[in-house]
Amino acid sequence: MAVARKHTPFASSKKAAASQIASHGIASFYTEGTNTASGDKFNTHELTAAHPTLPFGTRLRVTNVASGQSVTVRVNDRGPYVRGRVVDVSYAAAESLGMVGGGVAKVKLDVVH
């Protein structure tokens, strides 16, 4: 019983963090661009992402629902600008998610910081 009480606050805070954003949707990736909306120089080899509303610098865990592969990215850009998509990730992140061949993947999003 003491163990359950000890872990309950942790479970609640994780659930609250995950509910801050839409937790499921379609992700795509992009490889071109010079500067991001945050002012960073775009680098396709970094683990970064574009999200429409999360603050720049937010760490976001993106999980490919089909494969279970996940990667943590840093939000430094705005987008995606295609209806129905919830996040655009860099090419490096797309490779980690195993979605380069298909171009898009159904994903789960979790804010980690």
C-alpha atoms as a PDB file:
ATOM      1  CA  MET A   1       0.000   0.000   0.000  1.00  0.00           C
ATOM      2  CA  ALA A   2       2.863   2.406   0.726  1.00  0.00           C
ATOM      3  CA  VAL A   3       4.244   1.666  -2.734  1.00  0.00           C
ATOM      4  CA  ALA A   4       0.940   2.607  -4.390  1.00  0.00           C
ATOM      5  CA  ARG A   5       0.816   5.928  -2.522  1.00  0.00           C
ATOM      6  CA  LYS A   6       4.438   6.632  -3.403  1.00  0.00           C
ATOM      7  CA  HIS A   7       3.845   6.119  -7.148  1.00  0.00           C
ATOM      8  CA  THR A   8       0.434   7.758  -7.485  1.00  0.00           C
ATOM      9  CA  PRO A   9       1.712  11.388  -7.681  1.00  0.00           C
ATOM     10  CA  PHE A  10       4.268  10.422 -10.340  1.00  0.00           C
ATOM     11  CA  ALA A  11       1.623   8.730 -12.491  1.00  0.00           C
ATOM     12  CA  SER A  12      -0.657  11.745 -12.200  1.00  0.00           C
ATOM     13  CA  SER A  13       2.017  14.222 -13.280  1.00  0.00           C
ATOM     14  CA  LYS A  14       2.959  12.087 -16.312  1.00  0.00           C
ATOM     15  CA  LYS A  15      -0.682  11.873 -17.345  1.00  0.00           C
ATOM     16  CA  ALA A  16      -1.069  15.641 -16.961  1.00  0.00           C
ATOM     17  CA  ALA A  17       2.014  16.349 -19.088  1.00  0.00           C
ATOM     18  CA  ALA A  18       0.851  14.045 -21.853  1.00  0.00           C
ATOM     19  CA  SER A  19      -2.552  15.688 -21.975  1.00  0.00           C
ATOM     20  CA  GLN A  20      -1.062  19.136 -22.715  1.00  0.00           C
ATOM     21  CA  ILE A  21      -1.107  18.378 -26.449  1.00  0.00           C
ATOM     22  CA  ALA A  22      -2.926  16.185 -28.946  1.00  0.00           C
ATOM     23  CA  SER A  23      -1.408  12.839 -28.134  1.00  0.00           C
ATOM     24  CA  HIS A  24      -1.994  11.063 -31.469  1.00  0.00           C
ATOM     25  CA  GLY A  25      -1.859  11.997 -35.137  1.00  0.00           C
ATOM     26  CA  ILE A  26       0.132  11.885 -38.355  1.00  0.00           C
ATOM     27  CA  ALA A  27       3.774  12.951 -38.490  1.00  0.00           C
ATOM     28  CA  SER A  28       5.773  13.871 -41.565  1.00  0.00           C
ATOM     29  CA  PHE A  29       9.363  14.957 -42.032  1.00  0.00           C
ATOM     30  CA  TYR A  30      11.161  17.711 -43.852  1.00  0.00           C
ATOM     31  CA  THR A  31      14.689  18.096 -45.182  1.00  0.00           C
ATOM     32  CA  GLU A  32      14.824  21.588 -46.635  1.00  0.00           C
ATOM     33  CA  GLY A  33      14.903  25.059 -45.213  1.00  0.00           C
ATOM     34  CA  THR A  34      17.457  27.558 -44.039  1.00  0.00           C
ATOM     35  CA  ASN A  35      16.149  29.026 -40.817  1.00  0.00           C
ATOM     36  CA  THR A  36      13.495  27.855 -38.396  1.00  0.00           C
ATOM     37  CA  ALA A  37      10.764  29.989 -36.842  1.00  0.00           C
ATOM     38  CA  SER A  38      12.828  30.121 -33.639  1.00  0.00           C
ATOM     39  CA  GLY A  39      15.787  31.630 -35.517  1.00  0.00           C
ATOM     40  CA  ASP A  40      17.905  28.443 -35.420  1.00  0.00           C
ATOM     41  CA  LYS A  41      19.626  27.372 -38.608  1.00  0.00           C
ATOM     42  CA  PHE A  42      17.794  24.275 -39.875  1.00  0.00           C
ATOM     43  CA  ASN A  43      19.921  21.123 -39.674  1.00  0.00           C
ATOM     44  CA  THR A  44      18.377  17.936 -41.016  1.00  0.00           C
ATOM     45  CA  HIS A  45      20.855  15.874 -38.937  1.00  0.00           C
ATOM     46  CA  GLU A  46      19.625  17.225 -35.577  1.00  0.00           C
ATOM     47  CA  LEU A  47      16.696  15.758 -33.639  1.00  0.00           C
ATOM     48  CA  THR A  48      14.272  18.651 -34.031  1.00  0.00           C
ATOM     49  CA  ALA A  49      10.613  19.182 -34.863  1.00  0.00           C
ATOM     50  CA  ALA A  50       8.026  21.692 -35.965  1.00  0.00           C
ATOM     51  CA  HIS A  51       4.862  21.935 -33.879  1.00  0.00           C
ATOM     52  CA  PRO A  52       2.069  24.493 -34.291  1.00  0.00           C
ATOM     53  CA  THR A  53       1.718  25.601 -30.647  1.00  0.00           C
ATOM     54  CA  LEU A  54       4.298  24.153 -28.242  1.00  0.00           C
ATOM     55  CA  PRO A  55       6.917  26.628 -26.987  1.00  0.00           C
ATOM     56  CA  PHE A  56      10.317  26.566 -28.653  1.00  0.00           C
ATOM     57  CA  GLY A  57      12.713  24.376 -26.687  1.00  0.00           C
ATOM     58  CA  THR A  58      10.030  21.898 -25.590  1.00  0.00           C
ATOM     59  CA  ARG A  59      11.299  18.312 -25.548  1.00  0.00           C
ATOM     60  CA  LEU A  60       8.800  16.036 -27.227  1.00  0.00           C
ATOM     61  CA  ARG A  61       8.852  12.234 -27.362  1.00  0.00           C
ATOM     62  CA  VAL A  62       7.495  11.061 -30.698  1.00  0.00           C
ATOM     63  CA  THR A  63       6.567   7.360 -30.897  1.00  0.00           C
ATOM     64  CA  ASN A  64       5.753   5.528 -34.127  1.00  0.00           C
ATOM     65  CA  VAL A  65       2.553   3.682 -33.168  1.00  0.00           C
ATOM     66  CA  ALA A  66       3.088   0.889 -35.722  1.00  0.00           C
ATOM     67  CA  SER A  67       6.701   0.033 -34.829  1.00  0.00           C
ATOM     68  CA  GLY A  68       7.038   1.273 -31.246  1.00  0.00           C
ATOM     69  CA  GLN A  69      10.201   3.194 -32.189  1.00  0.00           C
ATOM     70  CA  SER A  70      10.536   6.543 -30.440  1.00  0.00           C
ATOM     71  CA  VAL A  71      12.794   9.576 -30.437  1.00  0.00           C
ATOM     72  CA  THR A  72      12.977  12.719 -28.325  1.00  0.00           C
ATOM     73  CA  VAL A  73      13.111  15.920 -30.348  1.00  0.00           C
ATOM     74  CA  ARG A  74      13.404  19.622 -29.539  1.00  0.00           C
ATOM     75  CA  VAL A  75      10.679  21.905 -30.925  1.00  0.00           C
ATOM     76  CA  ASN A  76      12.387  24.745 -32.817  1.00  0.00           C
ATOM     77  CA  ASP A  77      10.020  25.435 -35.711  1.00  0.00           C
ATOM     78  CA  ARG A  78       6.347  25.961 -36.550  1.00  0.00           C
ATOM     79  CA  GLY A  79       4.243  23.650 -38.661  1.00  0.00           C
ATOM     80  CA  PRO A  80       3.198  21.334 -40.086  1.00  0.00           C
ATOM     81  CA  TYR A  81       1.166  23.210 -42.646  1.00  0.00           C
ATOM     82  CA  VAL A  82      -0.581  20.166 -44.093  1.00  0.00           C
ATOM     83  CA  ARG A  83      -4.082  19.521 -42.770  1.00  0.00           C
ATOM     84  CA  GLY A  84      -4.341  16.506 -40.476  1.00  0.00           C
ATOM     85  CA  ARG A  85      -0.672  16.411 -39.464  1.00  0.00           C
ATOM     86  CA  VAL A  86       0.373  17.082 -35.870  1.00  0.00           C
ATOM     87  CA  VAL A  87       4.168  17.328 -36.132  1.00  0.00           C
ATOM     88  CA  ASP A  88       6.976  17.612 -38.685  1.00  0.00           C
ATOM     89  CA  VAL A  89      10.267  16.036 -37.657  1.00  0.00           C
ATOM     90  CA  SER A  90      13.767  16.397 -39.063  1.00  0.00           C
ATOM     91  CA  TYR A  91      15.182  13.725 -41.353  1.00  0.00           C
ATOM     92  CA  ALA A  92      17.355  12.373 -38.505  1.00  0.00           C
ATOM     93  CA  ALA A  93      14.287  11.978 -36.286  1.00  0.00           C
ATOM     94  CA  ALA A  94      12.352  10.365 -39.149  1.00  0.00           C
ATOM     95  CA  GLU A  95      15.160   7.816 -39.551  1.00  0.00           C
ATOM     96  CA  SER A  96      14.986   7.006 -35.832  1.00  0.00           C
ATOM     97  CA  LEU A  97      11.235   6.502 -36.168  1.00  0.00           C
ATOM     98  CA  GLY A  98      11.576   4.264 -39.227  1.00  0.00           C
ATOM     99  CA  MET A  99       9.319   6.485 -41.331  1.00  0.00           C
ATOM    100  CA  VAL A 100      11.636   7.683 -44.097  1.00  0.00           C
ATOM    101  CA  GLY A 101      10.365   5.172 -46.666  1.00  0.00           C
ATOM    102  CA  GLY A 102       6.689   5.963 -46.143  1.00  0.00           C
ATOM    103  CA  GLY A 103       7.114   9.689 -45.576  1.00  0.00           C
ATOM    104  CA  VAL A 104       4.455   9.783 -42.865  1.00  0.00           C
ATOM    105  CA  ALA A 105       3.588   7.736 -39.786  1.00  0.00           C
ATOM    106  CA  LYS A 106       0.875   7.561 -37.161  1.00  0.00           C
ATOM    107  CA  VAL A 107       2.501   8.772 -33.944  1.00  0.00           C
ATOM    108  CA  LYS A 108       1.912   9.401 -30.266  1.00  0.00           C
ATOM    109  CA  LEU A 109       3.281  12.612 -28.735  1.00  0.00           C
ATOM    110  CA  ASP A 110       4.391  13.095 -25.135  1.00  0.00           C
ATOM    111  CA  VAL A 111       5.881  16.262 -23.663  1.00  0.00           C
ATOM    112  CA  VAL A 112       8.961  15.252 -21.660  1.00  0.00           C
ATOM    113  CA  HIS A 113      10.193  18.739 -20.667  1.00  0.00           C
END
